PDB file of N, CA and C in Angstrom:
ATOM      1  N   ASP A   1       0.820  -1.180   0.000  1.00  0.00           N
ATOM      2  CA  ASP A   1       0.000   0.000   0.000  1.00  0.00           C
ATOM      3  C   ASP A   1       0.867   1.247   0.000  1.00  0.00           C
ATOM      4  N   THR A   2       0.265   2.344  -0.316  1.00  0.00           N
ATOM      5  CA  THR A   2       0.989   3.613  -0.419  1.00  0.00           C
ATOM      6  C   THR A   2       1.579   4.034   0.923  1.00  0.00           C
ATOM      7  N   ASP A   3       0.843   3.803   1.995  1.00  0.00           N
ATOM      8  CA  ASP A   3       1.349   4.186   3.318  1.00  0.00           C
ATOM      9  C   ASP A   3       2.642   3.451   3.650  1.00  0.00           C
ATOM     10  N   ARG A   4       2.703   2.181   3.329  1.00  0.00           N
ATOM     11  CA  ARG A   4       3.918   1.403   3.594  1.00  0.00           C
ATOM     12  C   ARG A   4       5.078   1.906   2.737  1.00  0.00           C
ATOM     13  N   ALA A   5       4.791   2.242   1.495  1.00  0.00           N
ATOM     14  CA  ALA A   5       5.828   2.797   0.617  1.00  0.00           C
ATOM     15  C   ALA A   5       6.362   4.102   1.185  1.00  0.00           C
ATOM     16  N   LEU A   6       5.478   4.934   1.693  1.00  0.00           N
ATOM     17  CA  LEU A   6       5.899   6.216   2.271  1.00  0.00           C
ATOM     18  C   LEU A   6       6.771   6.000   3.501  1.00  0.00           C
ATOM     19  N   VAL A   7       6.421   5.033   4.329  1.00  0.00           N
ATOM     20  CA  VAL A   7       7.227   4.721   5.515  1.00  0.00           C
ATOM     21  C   VAL A   7       8.623   4.278   5.092  1.00  0.00           C
ATOM     22  N   LEU A   8       8.699   3.400   4.102  1.00  0.00           N
ATOM     23  CA  LEU A   8       9.997   2.923   3.618  1.00  0.00           C
ATOM     24  C   LEU A   8      10.842   4.057   3.038  1.00  0.00           C
ATOM     25  N   LEU A   9      10.209   4.913   2.274  1.00  0.00           N
ATOM     26  CA  LEU A   9      10.937   6.043   1.693  1.00  0.00           C
ATOM     27  C   LEU A   9      11.430   7.002   2.771  1.00  0.00           C
ATOM     28  N   GLU A  10      10.605   7.250   3.764  1.00  0.00           N
ATOM     29  CA  GLU A  10      10.999   8.135   4.863  1.00  0.00           C
ATOM     30  C   GLU A  10      12.173   7.548   5.634  1.00  0.00           C
ATOM     31  N   GLU A  11      12.131   6.253   5.896  1.00  0.00           N
ATOM     32  CA  GLU A  11      13.241   5.593   6.589  1.00  0.00           C
ATOM     33  C   GLU A  11      14.529   5.691   5.772  1.00  0.00           C
ATOM     34  N   TYR A  12      14.410   5.507   4.475  1.00  0.00           N
ATOM     35  CA  TYR A  12      15.580   5.588   3.601  1.00  0.00           C
ATOM     36  C   TYR A  12      16.130   7.015   3.588  1.00  0.00           C
ATOM     37  N   CYS A  13      15.244   8.003   3.537  1.00  0.00           N
ATOM     38  CA  CYS A  13      15.675   9.409   3.524  1.00  0.00           C
ATOM     39  C   CYS A  13      16.454   9.770   4.780  1.00  0.00           C
ATOM     40  N   LYS A  14      16.057   9.205   5.895  1.00  0.00           N
ATOM     41  CA  LYS A  14      16.740   9.495   7.158  1.00  0.00           C
ATOM     42  C   LYS A  14      18.190   9.040   7.133  1.00  0.00           C
ATOM     43  N   ARG A  15      18.497   8.050   6.294  1.00  0.00           N
ATOM     44  CA  ARG A  15      19.873   7.549   6.188  1.00  0.00           C
ATOM     45  C   ARG A  15      20.732   8.367   5.224  1.00  0.00           C
ATOM     46  N   LEU A  16      20.100   9.241   4.446  1.00  0.00           N
ATOM     47  CA  LEU A  16      20.837  10.036   3.462  1.00  0.00           C
ATOM     48  C   LEU A  16      21.313  11.331   4.110  1.00  0.00           C
ATOM     49  N   LYS A  17      22.555  11.338   4.552  1.00  0.00           N
ATOM     50  CA  LYS A  17      23.086  12.485   5.283  1.00  0.00           C
ATOM     51  C   LYS A  17      24.269  13.154   4.587  1.00  0.00           C
ATOM     52  N   LYS A  18      24.933  12.434   3.703  1.00  0.00           N
ATOM     53  CA  LYS A  18      26.110  12.972   3.035  1.00  0.00           C
ATOM     54  C   LYS A  18      25.693  14.048   2.033  1.00  0.00           C
ATOM     55  N   PRO A  19      26.551  15.034   1.816  1.00  0.00           N
ATOM     56  CA  PRO A  19      26.218  16.098   0.851  1.00  0.00           C
ATOM     57  C   PRO A  19      25.900  15.562  -0.547  1.00  0.00           C
ATOM     58  N   GLU A  20      26.614  14.530  -0.976  1.00  0.00           N
ATOM     59  CA  GLU A  20      26.375  13.989  -2.318  1.00  0.00           C
ATOM     60  C   GLU A  20      25.060  13.206  -2.405  1.00  0.00           C
ATOM     61  N   GLU A  21      24.433  12.925  -1.286  1.00  0.00           N
ATOM     62  CA  GLU A  21      23.164  12.206  -1.269  1.00  0.00           C
ATOM     63  C   GLU A  21      21.941  13.129  -1.218  1.00  0.00           C
ATOM     64  N   GLN A  22      22.182  14.411  -1.087  1.00  0.00           N
ATOM     65  CA  GLN A  22      21.073  15.345  -0.915  1.00  0.00           C
ATOM     66  C   GLN A  22      20.197  15.480  -2.159  1.00  0.00           C
ATOM     67  N   GLN A  23      20.776  15.337  -3.331  1.00  0.00           N
ATOM     68  CA  GLN A  23      19.980  15.383  -4.557  1.00  0.00           C
ATOM     69  C   GLN A  23      19.035  14.180  -4.613  1.00  0.00           C
ATOM     70  N   LEU A  24      19.531  13.015  -4.240  1.00  0.00           N
ATOM     71  CA  LEU A  24      18.693  11.819  -4.181  1.00  0.00           C
ATOM     72  C   LEU A  24      17.589  11.995  -3.146  1.00  0.00           C
ATOM     73  N   LYS A  25      17.940  12.553  -1.993  1.00  0.00           N
ATOM     74  CA  LYS A  25      16.960  12.788  -0.931  1.00  0.00           C
ATOM     75  C   LYS A  25      15.846  13.721  -1.418  1.00  0.00           C
ATOM     76  N   LYS A  26      16.228  14.751  -2.143  1.00  0.00           N
ATOM     77  CA  LYS A  26      15.248  15.694  -2.693  1.00  0.00           C
ATOM     78  C   LYS A  26      14.318  14.993  -3.688  1.00  0.00           C
ATOM     79  N   ALA A  27      14.886  14.136  -4.528  1.00  0.00           N
ATOM     80  CA  ALA A  27      14.080  13.398  -5.514  1.00  0.00           C
ATOM     81  C   ALA A  27      13.118  12.440  -4.817  1.00  0.00           C
ATOM     82  N   ILE A  28      13.585  11.775  -3.782  1.00  0.00           N
ATOM     83  CA  ILE A  28      12.723  10.853  -3.038  1.00  0.00           C
ATOM     84  C   ILE A  28      11.591  11.619  -2.373  1.00  0.00           C
ATOM     85  N   ARG A  29      11.878  12.775  -1.835  1.00  0.00           N
ATOM     86  CA  ARG A  29      10.828  13.594  -1.210  1.00  0.00           C
ATOM     87  C   ARG A  29       9.779  14.020  -2.243  1.00  0.00           C
ATOM     88  N   LYS A  30      10.215  14.263  -3.482  1.00  0.00           N
ATOM     89  CA  LYS A  30       9.259  14.577  -4.552  1.00  0.00           C
ATOM     90  C   LYS A  30       8.333  13.394  -4.810  1.00  0.00           C
ATOM     91  N   VAL A  31       8.917  12.205  -4.882  1.00  0.00           N
ATOM     92  CA  VAL A  31       8.128  10.988  -5.089  1.00  0.00           C
ATOM     93  C   VAL A  31       7.139  10.821  -3.942  1.00  0.00           C
ATOM     94  N   MET A  32       7.585  11.083  -2.733  1.00  0.00           N
ATOM     95  CA  MET A  32       6.699  10.977  -1.574  1.00  0.00           C
ATOM     96  C   MET A  32       5.519  11.950  -1.702  1.00  0.00           C
ATOM     97  N   GLY A  33       5.793  13.133  -2.181  1.00  0.00           N
ATOM     98  CA  GLY A  33       4.723  14.104  -2.390  1.00  0.00           C
ATOM     99  C   GLY A  33       3.719  13.617  -3.427  1.00  0.00           C
ATOM    100  N   ILE A  34       4.228  12.976  -4.461  1.00  0.00           N
ATOM    101  CA  ILE A  34       3.350  12.422  -5.497  1.00  0.00           C
ATOM    102  C   ILE A  34       2.489  11.313  -4.910  1.00  0.00           C
ATOM    103  N   PHE A  35       3.111  10.416  -4.128  1.00  0.00           N
ATOM    104  CA  PHE A  35       2.347   9.330  -3.507  1.00  0.00           C
ATOM    105  C   PHE A  35       1.231   9.867  -2.619  1.00  0.00           C
ATOM    106  N   LYS A  36       1.461  11.016  -1.988  1.00  0.00           N
ATOM    107  CA  LYS A  36       0.470  11.597  -1.076  1.00  0.00           C
ATOM    108  C   LYS A  36      -0.632  12.363  -1.811  1.00  0.00           C
ATOM    109  N   SER A  37      -0.418  12.665  -3.083  1.00  0.00           N
ATOM    110  CA  SER A  37      -1.392  13.479  -3.814  1.00  0.00           C
ATOM    111  C   SER A  37      -2.697  12.735  -4.069  1.00  0.00           C
ATOM    112  N   SER A  38      -3.771  13.493  -4.078  1.00  0.00           N
ATOM    113  CA  SER A  38      -5.082  12.880  -4.326  1.00  0.00           C
ATOM    114  C   SER A  38      -5.181  12.357  -5.757  1.00  0.00           C
ATOM    115  N   LEU A  39      -4.507  13.008  -6.697  1.00  0.00           N
ATOM    116  CA  LEU A  39      -4.517  12.535  -8.080  1.00  0.00           C
ATOM    117  C   LEU A  39      -3.869  11.153  -8.171  1.00  0.00           C
ATOM    118  N   PHE A  40      -2.713  10.980  -7.550  1.00  0.00           N
ATOM    119  CA  PHE A  40      -2.041   9.678  -7.576  1.00  0.00           C
ATOM    120  C   PHE A  40      -2.920   8.607  -6.944  1.00  0.00           C
ATOM    121  N   GLN A  41      -3.520   8.930  -5.805  1.00  0.00           N
ATOM    122  CA  GLN A  41      -4.379   7.965  -5.120  1.00  0.00           C
ATOM    123  C   GLN A  41      -5.553   7.546  -6.008  1.00  0.00           C
ATOM    124  N   ALA A  42      -6.136   8.522  -6.704  1.00  0.00           N
ATOM    125  CA  ALA A  42      -7.260   8.212  -7.595  1.00  0.00           C
ATOM    126  C   ALA A  42      -6.810   7.337  -8.761  1.00  0.00           C
ATOM    127  N   LEU A  43      -5.675   7.673  -9.360  1.00  0.00           N
ATOM    128  CA  LEU A  43      -5.153   6.883 -10.472  1.00  0.00           C
ATOM    129  C   LEU A  43      -4.776   5.474 -10.024  1.00  0.00           C
ATOM    130  N   LEU A  44      -4.159   5.368  -8.878  1.00  0.00           N
ATOM    131  CA  LEU A  44      -3.775   4.063  -8.351  1.00  0.00           C
ATOM    132  C   LEU A  44      -5.011   3.210  -8.092  1.00  0.00           C
ATOM    133  N   GLY A  45      -6.028   3.813  -7.502  1.00  0.00           N
ATOM    134  CA  GLY A  45      -7.257   3.084  -7.243  1.00  0.00           C
ATOM    135  C   GLY A  45      -7.894   2.583  -8.519  1.00  0.00           C
ATOM    136  N   SER A  46      -7.917   3.424  -9.542  1.00  0.00           N
ATOM    137  CA  SER A  46      -8.495   3.048 -10.832  1.00  0.00           C
ATOM    138  C   SER A  46      -7.683   1.934 -11.476  1.00  0.00           C
ATOM    139  N   PHE A  47      -6.363   2.067 -11.461  1.00  0.00           N
ATOM    140  CA  PHE A  47      -5.490   1.052 -12.054  1.00  0.00           C
ATOM    141  C   PHE A  47      -5.642  -0.279 -11.332  1.00  0.00           C
ATOM    142  N   THR A  48      -5.648  -0.227 -10.000  1.00  0.00           N
ATOM    143  CA  THR A  48      -5.740  -1.450  -9.209  1.00  0.00           C
ATOM    144  C   THR A  48      -7.044  -2.182  -9.491  1.00  0.00           C
ATOM    145  N   LYS A  49      -8.140  -1.439  -9.571  1.00  0.00           N
ATOM    146  CA  LYS A  49      -9.439  -2.055  -9.862  1.00  0.00           C
ATOM    147  C   LYS A  49      -9.428  -2.735 -11.228  1.00  0.00           C
ATOM    148  N   LYS A  50      -8.920  -2.026 -12.241  1.00  0.00           N
ATOM    149  CA  LYS A  50      -8.874  -2.588 -13.596  1.00  0.00           C
ATOM    150  C   LYS A  50      -7.956  -3.799 -13.669  1.00  0.00           C
ATOM    151  N   ALA A  51      -6.775  -3.677 -13.092  1.00  0.00           N
ATOM    152  CA  ALA A  51      -5.801  -4.768 -13.155  1.00  0.00           C
ATOM    153  C   ALA A  51      -6.301  -5.993 -12.401  1.00  0.00           C
ATOM    154  N   THR A  52      -6.948  -5.779 -11.278  1.00  0.00           N
ATOM    155  CA  THR A  52      -7.484  -6.897 -10.512  1.00  0.00           C
ATOM    156  C   THR A  52      -8.601  -7.600 -11.284  1.00  0.00           C
ATOM    157  N   ARG A  53      -9.449  -6.809 -11.934  1.00  0.00           N
ATOM    158  CA  ARG A  53     -10.537  -7.379 -12.741  1.00  0.00           C
ATOM    159  C   ARG A  53      -9.997  -8.260 -13.849  1.00  0.00           C
ATOM    160  N   HIS A  54      -8.876  -7.846 -14.431  1.00  0.00           N
ATOM    161  CA  HIS A  54      -8.304  -8.577 -15.562  1.00  0.00           C
ATOM    162  C   HIS A  54      -7.290  -9.633 -15.124  1.00  0.00           C
ATOM    163  N   GLY A  55      -7.121  -9.792 -13.826  1.00  0.00           N
ATOM    164  CA  GLY A  55      -6.202 -10.801 -13.315  1.00  0.00           C
ATOM    165  C   GLY A  55      -4.745 -10.448 -13.490  1.00  0.00           C
ATOM    166  N   ALA A  56      -4.452  -9.170 -13.750  1.00  0.00           N
ATOM    167  CA  ALA A  56      -3.064  -8.765 -13.983  1.00  0.00           C
ATOM    168  C   ALA A  56      -2.265  -8.679 -12.693  1.00  0.00           C
ATOM    169  N   ILE A  57      -2.936  -8.422 -11.588  1.00  0.00           N
ATOM    170  CA  ILE A  57      -2.242  -8.364 -10.304  1.00  0.00           C
ATOM    171  C   ILE A  57      -3.052  -9.129  -9.275  1.00  0.00           C
ATOM    172  N   SER A  58      -2.359  -9.665  -8.313  1.00  0.00           N
ATOM    173  CA  SER A  58      -3.056 -10.363  -7.244  1.00  0.00           C
ATOM    174  C   SER A  58      -2.783  -9.709  -5.903  1.00  0.00           C
ATOM    175  N   HIS A  59      -1.930  -8.682  -5.885  1.00  0.00           N
ATOM    176  CA  HIS A  59      -1.576  -8.015  -4.644  1.00  0.00           C
ATOM    177  C   HIS A  59      -1.763  -6.512  -4.805  1.00  0.00           C
ATOM    178  N   PRO A  60      -2.549  -5.881  -3.923  1.00  0.00           N
ATOM    179  CA  PRO A  60      -2.842  -4.464  -4.076  1.00  0.00           C
ATOM    180  C   PRO A  60      -1.738  -3.517  -3.632  1.00  0.00           C
ATOM    181  N   SER A  61      -0.611  -4.015  -3.133  1.00  0.00           N
ATOM    182  CA  SER A  61       0.437  -3.162  -2.593  1.00  0.00           C
ATOM    183  C   SER A  61       1.472  -2.768  -3.638  1.00  0.00           C
ATOM    184  N   LEU A  62       1.040  -2.163  -4.727  1.00  0.00           N
ATOM    185  CA  LEU A  62       1.956  -1.790  -5.805  1.00  0.00           C
ATOM    186  C   LEU A  62       3.009  -0.767  -5.398  1.00  0.00           C
ATOM    187  N   PRO A  63       2.653   0.349  -4.740  1.00  0.00           N
ATOM    188  CA  PRO A  63       3.696   1.316  -4.378  1.00  0.00           C
ATOM    189  C   PRO A  63       4.748   0.727  -3.451  1.00  0.00           C
ATOM    190  N   ALA A  64       4.332  -0.038  -2.466  1.00  0.00           N
ATOM    191  CA  ALA A  64       5.298  -0.628  -1.546  1.00  0.00           C
ATOM    192  C   ALA A  64       6.196  -1.614  -2.277  1.00  0.00           C
ATOM    193  N   ALA A  65       5.632  -2.424  -3.153  1.00  0.00           N
ATOM    194  CA  ALA A  65       6.431  -3.389  -3.909  1.00  0.00           C
ATOM    195  C   ALA A  65       7.460  -2.670  -4.775  1.00  0.00           C
ATOM    196  N   ALA A  66       7.066  -1.567  -5.379  1.00  0.00           N
ATOM    197  CA  ALA A  66       7.994  -0.800  -6.212  1.00  0.00           C
ATOM    198  C   ALA A  66       9.129  -0.238  -5.372  1.00  0.00           C
ATOM    199  N   VAL A  67       8.813   0.265  -4.190  1.00  0.00           N
ATOM    200  CA  VAL A  67       9.851   0.812  -3.311  1.00  0.00           C
ATOM    201  C   VAL A  67      10.794  -0.296  -2.860  1.00  0.00           C
ATOM    202  N   TYR A  68      10.257  -1.456  -2.511  1.00  0.00           N
ATOM    203  CA  TYR A  68      11.115  -2.580  -2.132  1.00  0.00           C
ATOM    204  C   TYR A  68      12.095  -2.888  -3.250  1.00  0.00           C
ATOM    205  N   ASP A  69      11.606  -2.927  -4.479  1.00  0.00           N
ATOM    206  CA  ASP A  69      12.461  -3.244  -5.617  1.00  0.00           C
ATOM    207  C   ASP A  69      13.530  -2.180  -5.825  1.00  0.00           C
ATOM    208  N   VAL A  70      13.142  -0.925  -5.787  1.00  0.00           N
ATOM    209  CA  VAL A  70      14.074   0.176  -6.038  1.00  0.00           C
ATOM    210  C   VAL A  70      15.140   0.237  -4.952  1.00  0.00           C
ATOM    211  N   LEU A  71      14.738   0.081  -3.700  1.00  0.00           N
ATOM    212  CA  LEU A  71      15.679   0.214  -2.590  1.00  0.00           C
ATOM    213  C   LEU A  71      16.409  -1.086  -2.283  1.00  0.00           C
ATOM    214  N   GLY A  72      15.999  -2.178  -2.922  1.00  0.00           N
ATOM    215  CA  GLY A  72      16.642  -3.459  -2.682  1.00  0.00           C
ATOM    216  C   GLY A  72      16.328  -4.026  -1.320  1.00  0.00           C
ATOM    217  N   CYS A  73      15.165  -3.695  -0.780  1.00  0.00           N
ATOM    218  CA  CYS A  73      14.762  -4.178   0.545  1.00  0.00           C
ATOM    219  C   CYS A  73      14.209  -5.599   0.422  1.00  0.00           C
ATOM    220  N   PRO A  74      14.412  -6.387   1.472  1.00  0.00           N
ATOM    221  CA  PRO A  74      13.769  -7.706   1.468  1.00  0.00           C
ATOM    222  C   PRO A  74      12.266  -7.536   1.636  1.00  0.00           C
ATOM    223  N   LYS A  75      11.506  -8.334   0.943  1.00  0.00           N
ATOM    224  CA  LYS A  75      10.042  -8.277   1.030  1.00  0.00           C
ATOM    225  C   LYS A  75       9.594  -9.190   2.148  1.00  0.00           C
ATOM    226  N   ASN A  76       8.806  -8.657   3.059  1.00  0.00           N
ATOM    227  CA  ASN A  76       8.306  -9.449   4.194  1.00  0.00           C
ATOM    228  C   ASN A  76       7.014 -10.104   3.851  1.00  0.00           C
TER     229      ASN A  76
END
């Protein structure tokens, strides 16, 4: 879910302290803002409904799964 993705991104941002990591931190914060937007939530809801109807996905946690993949986190 989006909330879990936001938690993971926030945890990752807290580890970015070096000056050369600040650009990445800024980009991640932008992504977090997008995840929080009502437009993103509406689009995600629409996509999830359509994909589930067509059997394309079986798990509704798309944002969290994407963050796990990008950050290389183990999936629980």
